[in-house]
Amino acid sequence: MQTKTSSLKTKFLKLAVPVALACAFAAAPTVAMAKDAPNASMVASQKITAKQQHVAAEIGKIQQELAAIRVKTLKANPQLITEMKAYETAFNNKVKALGYQPEKLIKRAQEIQIEATKKDISNDKRTALIKEFTTIRTTLEKQQRSILNDPAISKQDKQVQDDVINAMKKQDSKTTDLLKQLDQLVMQFKK
């Protein structure tokens, strides 16, 4: 079951964005970038440590485990799929009402990630890509917040999240521990 805007997927995406950014720019020669970039402090803030790379890999593993549990849970609980579709419809209606086009932004962010991993990219170009990626991420976060400011959407979002998480916990007892580990790792990554 794939739902583009389901709250749970959005939550996982939010967690994945800094990880994806880290992975995309991990190979960047940050020291050289700092020397060449006009704003060295911005570049320094983008430097990814080996520890962060390790944490990012661990986050990815946990997200894969949770995604597998989620798939099993949805197969075992078709009423959740119905609930998620209703939420998705409400969310998409709000997106259209506000005139947002998140698909275009997400597609461009994915293109940036691919482009940034090329070995022959200049430091100036890599810095520009980092800046563009950050702008896209900020825009998507602002759009999501404005959609969730609608009390009906927010209430439905929370209900879907709670229902899916509770069903996942019933489906697999590891869910609670995995979610705790994920939260801890995300906090470590942000340090």
C-alpha atoms as a PDB file:
ATOM      1  CA  MET A   1       0.000   0.000   0.000  1.00  0.00           C
ATOM      2  CA  GLN A   2       1.499   3.262  -1.070  1.00  0.00           C
ATOM      3  CA  THR A   3       0.086   6.564   0.079  1.00  0.00           C
ATOM      4  CA  LYS A   4       2.053   9.611  -0.973  1.00  0.00           C
ATOM      5  CA  THR A   5       1.043  11.894   1.835  1.00  0.00           C
ATOM      6  CA  SER A   6       0.169   9.583   4.682  1.00  0.00           C
ATOM      7  CA  SER A   7       1.218  11.058   7.975  1.00  0.00           C
ATOM      8  CA  LEU A   8       3.345   8.112   8.971  1.00  0.00           C
ATOM      9  CA  LYS A   9       5.234   8.207   5.690  1.00  0.00           C
ATOM     10  CA  THR A  10       5.618  11.970   6.093  1.00  0.00           C
ATOM     11  CA  LYS A  11       7.058  11.398   9.562  1.00  0.00           C
ATOM     12  CA  PHE A  12       9.537   8.886   8.175  1.00  0.00           C
ATOM     13  CA  LEU A  13      10.361  11.237   5.311  1.00  0.00           C
ATOM     14  CA  LYS A  14      11.044  14.073   7.729  1.00  0.00           C
ATOM     15  CA  LEU A  15      13.475  11.817   9.539  1.00  0.00           C
ATOM     16  CA  ALA A  16      14.996  10.670   6.277  1.00  0.00           C
ATOM     17  CA  VAL A  17      15.606  14.164   4.879  1.00  0.00           C
ATOM     18  CA  PRO A  18      18.597  15.004   7.093  1.00  0.00           C
ATOM     19  CA  VAL A  19      19.878  11.472   6.572  1.00  0.00           C
ATOM     20  CA  ALA A  20      19.497  11.772   2.810  1.00  0.00           C
ATOM     21  CA  LEU A  21      21.218  15.137   2.896  1.00  0.00           C
ATOM     22  CA  ALA A  22      24.055  13.631   4.897  1.00  0.00           C
ATOM     23  CA  CYS A  23      24.438  10.715   2.530  1.00  0.00           C
ATOM     24  CA  ALA A  24      24.258  12.902  -0.555  1.00  0.00           C
ATOM     25  CA  PHE A  25      26.940  15.245   0.653  1.00  0.00           C
ATOM     26  CA  ALA A  26      29.044  12.830   2.701  1.00  0.00           C
ATOM     27  CA  ALA A  27      31.522  12.451  -0.118  1.00  0.00           C
ATOM     28  CA  ALA A  28      31.891  16.203  -0.457  1.00  0.00           C
ATOM     29  CA  PRO A  29      35.390  17.493   0.110  1.00  0.00           C
ATOM     30  CA  THR A  30      34.267  19.787   2.921  1.00  0.00           C
ATOM     31  CA  VAL A  31      37.696  21.143   3.748  1.00  0.00           C
ATOM     32  CA  ALA A  32      38.239  22.219   0.150  1.00  0.00           C
ATOM     33  CA  MET A  33      34.725  23.619   0.062  1.00  0.00           C
ATOM     34  CA  ALA A  34      35.370  25.669   3.181  1.00  0.00           C
ATOM     35  CA  LYS A  35      38.430  27.249   1.543  1.00  0.00           C
ATOM     36  CA  ASP A  36      36.652  27.961  -1.755  1.00  0.00           C
ATOM     37  CA  ALA A  37      33.146  28.835  -0.598  1.00  0.00           C
ATOM     38  CA  PRO A  38      32.204  32.462  -0.041  1.00  0.00           C
ATOM     39  CA  ASN A  39      30.313  31.562   3.146  1.00  0.00           C
ATOM     40  CA  ALA A  40      32.603  29.182   5.006  1.00  0.00           C
ATOM     41  CA  SER A  41      30.398  29.081   8.109  1.00  0.00           C
ATOM     42  CA  MET A  42      27.467  27.716   6.060  1.00  0.00           C
ATOM     43  CA  VAL A  43      29.705  25.071   4.550  1.00  0.00           C
ATOM     44  CA  ALA A  44      31.151  24.146   7.933  1.00  0.00           C
ATOM     45  CA  SER A  45      27.625  23.577   9.224  1.00  0.00           C
ATOM     46  CA  GLN A  46      27.087  21.088   6.376  1.00  0.00           C
ATOM     47  CA  LYS A  47      30.170  19.036   7.243  1.00  0.00           C
ATOM     48  CA  ILE A  48      29.190  15.454   7.933  1.00  0.00           C
ATOM     49  CA  THR A  49      31.302  13.540  10.416  1.00  0.00           C
ATOM     50  CA  ALA A  50      32.082   9.839  10.262  1.00  0.00           C
ATOM     51  CA  LYS A  51      29.958   9.404  13.388  1.00  0.00           C
ATOM     52  CA  GLN A  52      27.000  11.091  11.678  1.00  0.00           C
ATOM     53  CA  GLN A  53      27.467   8.830   8.655  1.00  0.00           C
ATOM     54  CA  HIS A  54      27.355   5.794  10.949  1.00  0.00           C
ATOM     55  CA  VAL A  55      24.264   7.130  12.728  1.00  0.00           C
ATOM     56  CA  ALA A  56      22.632   7.826   9.343  1.00  0.00           C
ATOM     57  CA  ALA A  57      23.241   4.225   8.299  1.00  0.00           C
ATOM     58  CA  GLU A  58      21.699   2.957  11.559  1.00  0.00           C
ATOM     59  CA  ILE A  59      18.676   5.226  11.045  1.00  0.00           C
ATOM     60  CA  GLY A  60      18.245   3.770   7.573  1.00  0.00           C
ATOM     61  CA  LYS A  61      18.311   0.202   8.919  1.00  0.00           C
ATOM     62  CA  ILE A  62      15.691   0.964  11.569  1.00  0.00           C
ATOM     63  CA  GLN A  63      13.501   2.764   9.043  1.00  0.00           C
ATOM     64  CA  GLN A  64      13.636  -0.324   6.817  1.00  0.00           C
ATOM     65  CA  GLU A  65      12.604  -2.557   9.709  1.00  0.00           C
ATOM     66  CA  LEU A  66       9.742  -0.236  10.630  1.00  0.00           C
ATOM     67  CA  ALA A  67       8.618  -0.046   6.997  1.00  0.00           C
ATOM     68  CA  ALA A  68       8.503  -3.860   6.830  1.00  0.00           C
ATOM     69  CA  ILE A  69       6.433  -4.000  10.028  1.00  0.00           C
ATOM     70  CA  ARG A  70       4.151  -1.305   8.628  1.00  0.00           C
ATOM     71  CA  VAL A  71       3.555  -3.292   5.431  1.00  0.00           C
ATOM     72  CA  LYS A  72       2.664  -6.418   7.435  1.00  0.00           C
ATOM     73  CA  THR A  73       0.414  -4.337   9.686  1.00  0.00           C
ATOM     74  CA  LEU A  74      -1.471  -2.790   6.782  1.00  0.00           C
ATOM     75  CA  LYS A  75      -1.983  -6.191   5.167  1.00  0.00           C
ATOM     76  CA  ALA A  76      -3.383  -7.533   8.435  1.00  0.00           C
ATOM     77  CA  ASN A  77      -5.562  -4.437   9.082  1.00  0.00           C
ATOM     78  CA  PRO A  78      -7.351  -3.307   5.897  1.00  0.00           C
ATOM     79  CA  GLN A  79      -9.406  -0.784   7.885  1.00  0.00           C
ATOM     80  CA  LEU A  80      -6.167   1.184   8.385  1.00  0.00           C
ATOM     81  CA  ILE A  81      -5.778   1.453   4.621  1.00  0.00           C
ATOM     82  CA  THR A  82      -9.283   2.908   4.384  1.00  0.00           C
ATOM     83  CA  GLU A  83      -8.490   5.370   7.193  1.00  0.00           C
ATOM     84  CA  MET A  84      -5.222   6.366   5.513  1.00  0.00           C
ATOM     85  CA  LYS A  85      -6.928   6.897   2.155  1.00  0.00           C
ATOM     86  CA  ALA A  86      -9.505   9.176   3.778  1.00  0.00           C
ATOM     87  CA  TYR A  87      -6.709  11.166   5.399  1.00  0.00           C
ATOM     88  CA  GLU A  88      -4.767  11.278   2.139  1.00  0.00           C
ATOM     89  CA  THR A  89      -7.797  12.646   0.316  1.00  0.00           C
ATOM     90  CA  ALA A  90      -8.334  15.356   2.931  1.00  0.00           C
ATOM     91  CA  PHE A  91      -4.628  16.232   2.907  1.00  0.00           C
ATOM     92  CA  ASN A  92      -4.482  16.363  -0.917  1.00  0.00           C
ATOM     93  CA  ASN A  93      -7.593  18.538  -1.035  1.00  0.00           C
ATOM     94  CA  LYS A  94      -5.902  20.990   1.338  1.00  0.00           C
ATOM     95  CA  VAL A  95      -2.693  20.912  -0.753  1.00  0.00           C
ATOM     96  CA  LYS A  96      -4.714  21.789  -3.864  1.00  0.00           C
ATOM     97  CA  ALA A  97      -6.716  24.464  -2.039  1.00  0.00           C
ATOM     98  CA  LEU A  98      -3.475  26.149  -0.978  1.00  0.00           C
ATOM     99  CA  GLY A  99      -1.939  25.782  -4.458  1.00  0.00           C
ATOM    100  CA  TYR A 100       1.089  23.791  -3.327  1.00  0.00           C
ATOM    101  CA  GLN A 101       2.980  21.474  -5.676  1.00  0.00           C
ATOM    102  CA  PRO A 102       5.161  19.330  -3.398  1.00  0.00           C
ATOM    103  CA  GLU A 103       5.785  16.695  -6.088  1.00  0.00           C
ATOM    104  CA  LYS A 104       7.881  19.164  -8.088  1.00  0.00           C
ATOM    105  CA  LEU A 105       9.939  20.103  -5.025  1.00  0.00           C
ATOM    106  CA  ILE A 106      10.478  16.479  -4.006  1.00  0.00           C
ATOM    107  CA  LYS A 107      11.511  15.549  -7.551  1.00  0.00           C
ATOM    108  CA  ARG A 108      14.046  18.388  -7.618  1.00  0.00           C
ATOM    109  CA  ALA A 109      15.418  17.377  -4.196  1.00  0.00           C
ATOM    110  CA  GLN A 110      15.940  13.844  -5.509  1.00  0.00           C
ATOM    111  CA  GLU A 111      17.709  15.206  -8.598  1.00  0.00           C
ATOM    112  CA  ILE A 112      19.978  17.286  -6.353  1.00  0.00           C
ATOM    113  CA  GLN A 113      20.899  14.233  -4.277  1.00  0.00           C
ATOM    114  CA  ILE A 114      21.906  12.334  -7.405  1.00  0.00           C
ATOM    115  CA  GLU A 115      23.802  15.279  -8.862  1.00  0.00           C
ATOM    116  CA  ALA A 116      25.653  15.968  -5.604  1.00  0.00           C
ATOM    117  CA  THR A 117      27.118  12.471  -5.474  1.00  0.00           C
ATOM    118  CA  LYS A 118      28.919  12.879  -8.802  1.00  0.00           C
ATOM    119  CA  LYS A 119      32.674  12.887  -8.318  1.00  0.00           C
ATOM    120  CA  ASP A 120      33.450  15.496 -10.970  1.00  0.00           C
ATOM    121  CA  ILE A 121      31.255  18.212  -9.467  1.00  0.00           C
ATOM    122  CA  SER A 122      32.934  21.506  -8.555  1.00  0.00           C
ATOM    123  CA  ASN A 123      32.951  22.808  -5.018  1.00  0.00           C
ATOM    124  CA  ASP A 124      30.974  25.894  -6.070  1.00  0.00           C
ATOM    125  CA  LYS A 125      28.320  23.737  -7.705  1.00  0.00           C
ATOM    126  CA  ARG A 126      28.144  21.426  -4.670  1.00  0.00           C
ATOM    127  CA  THR A 127      27.711  24.451  -2.376  1.00  0.00           C
ATOM    128  CA  ALA A 128      24.910  25.768  -4.602  1.00  0.00           C
ATOM    129  CA  LEU A 129      23.227  22.344  -4.513  1.00  0.00           C
ATOM    130  CA  ILE A 130      23.409  22.234  -0.718  1.00  0.00           C
ATOM    131  CA  LYS A 131      21.820  25.678  -0.559  1.00  0.00           C
ATOM    132  CA  GLU A 132      19.054  24.712  -3.016  1.00  0.00           C
ATOM    133  CA  PHE A 133      18.360  21.439  -1.161  1.00  0.00           C
ATOM    134  CA  THR A 134      18.077  23.309   2.140  1.00  0.00           C
ATOM    135  CA  THR A 135      15.672  25.827   0.586  1.00  0.00           C
ATOM    136  CA  ILE A 136      13.487  23.008  -0.773  1.00  0.00           C
ATOM    137  CA  ARG A 137      13.445  21.257   2.583  1.00  0.00           C
ATOM    138  CA  THR A 138      12.471  24.473   4.360  1.00  0.00           C
ATOM    139  CA  THR A 139       9.707  25.155   1.828  1.00  0.00           C
ATOM    140  CA  LEU A 140       8.268  21.644   2.207  1.00  0.00           C
ATOM    141  CA  GLU A 141       8.354  21.933   6.000  1.00  0.00           C
ATOM    142  CA  LYS A 142       6.542  25.306   5.891  1.00  0.00           C
ATOM    143  CA  GLN A 143       3.916  23.920   3.524  1.00  0.00           C
ATOM    144  CA  GLN A 144       3.356  20.878   5.716  1.00  0.00           C
ATOM    145  CA  ARG A 145       3.003  23.069   8.818  1.00  0.00           C
ATOM    146  CA  SER A 146       0.461  25.311   7.098  1.00  0.00           C
ATOM    147  CA  ILE A 147      -1.606  22.269   6.049  1.00  0.00           C
ATOM    148  CA  LEU A 148      -1.473  20.807   9.547  1.00  0.00           C
ATOM    149  CA  ASN A 149      -2.628  24.148  10.980  1.00  0.00           C
ATOM    150  CA  ASP A 150      -6.093  23.147   9.805  1.00  0.00           C
ATOM    151  CA  PRO A 151      -7.627  21.646  12.979  1.00  0.00           C
ATOM    152  CA  ALA A 152      -9.557  18.937  11.091  1.00  0.00           C
ATOM    153  CA  ILE A 153      -6.463  17.831   9.150  1.00  0.00           C
ATOM    154  CA  SER A 154      -4.334  17.931  12.296  1.00  0.00           C
ATOM    155  CA  LYS A 155      -6.825  15.813  14.243  1.00  0.00           C
ATOM    156  CA  GLN A 156      -7.087  13.277  11.418  1.00  0.00           C
ATOM    157  CA  ASP A 157      -3.277  13.214  11.109  1.00  0.00           C
ATOM    158  CA  LYS A 158      -2.841  12.401  14.788  1.00  0.00           C
ATOM    159  CA  GLN A 159      -5.551   9.746  14.698  1.00  0.00           C
ATOM    160  CA  VAL A 160      -4.026   7.962  11.689  1.00  0.00           C
ATOM    161  CA  GLN A 161      -0.554   8.071  13.251  1.00  0.00           C
ATOM    162  CA  ASP A 162      -1.814   6.714  16.555  1.00  0.00           C
ATOM    163  CA  ASP A 163      -3.877   3.969  14.922  1.00  0.00           C
ATOM    164  CA  VAL A 164      -1.046   2.796  12.660  1.00  0.00           C
ATOM    165  CA  ILE A 165       1.600   2.907  15.400  1.00  0.00           C
ATOM    166  CA  ASN A 166      -0.655   1.037  17.839  1.00  0.00           C
ATOM    167  CA  ALA A 167      -1.421  -1.601  15.216  1.00  0.00           C
ATOM    168  CA  MET A 168       2.306  -1.917  14.420  1.00  0.00           C
ATOM    169  CA  LYS A 169       3.028  -2.468  18.124  1.00  0.00           C
ATOM    170  CA  LYS A 170       0.426  -5.246  18.209  1.00  0.00           C
ATOM    171  CA  GLN A 171       1.804  -6.724  14.980  1.00  0.00           C
ATOM    172  CA  ASP A 172       5.422  -6.800  16.166  1.00  0.00           C
ATOM    173  CA  SER A 173       6.602  -6.270  19.727  1.00  0.00           C
ATOM    174  CA  LYS A 174       9.909  -4.806  18.460  1.00  0.00           C
ATOM    175  CA  THR A 175       8.113  -1.681  17.204  1.00  0.00           C
ATOM    176  CA  THR A 176       8.306   0.233  20.482  1.00  0.00           C
ATOM    177  CA  ASP A 177      12.043  -0.409  20.871  1.00  0.00           C
ATOM    178  CA  LEU A 178      12.701   0.449  17.219  1.00  0.00           C
ATOM    179  CA  LEU A 179      10.850   3.760  17.544  1.00  0.00           C
ATOM    180  CA  LYS A 180      12.810   4.640  20.706  1.00  0.00           C
ATOM    181  CA  GLN A 181      16.096   3.766  18.997  1.00  0.00           C
ATOM    182  CA  LEU A 182      15.096   5.840  15.979  1.00  0.00           C
ATOM    183  CA  ASP A 183      14.328   8.886  18.134  1.00  0.00           C
ATOM    184  CA  GLN A 184      17.667   8.536  19.965  1.00  0.00           C
ATOM    185  CA  LEU A 185      19.618   8.170  16.727  1.00  0.00           C
ATOM    186  CA  VAL A 186      17.932  11.189  15.157  1.00  0.00           C
ATOM    187  CA  MET A 187      18.888  13.242  18.228  1.00  0.00           C
ATOM    188  CA  GLN A 188      22.493  11.990  17.931  1.00  0.00           C
ATOM    189  CA  PHE A 189      22.563  12.832  14.234  1.00  0.00           C
ATOM    190  CA  LYS A 190      21.413  16.394  14.854  1.00  0.00           C
ATOM    191  CA  LYS A 191      24.200  17.036  17.404  1.00  0.00           C
END
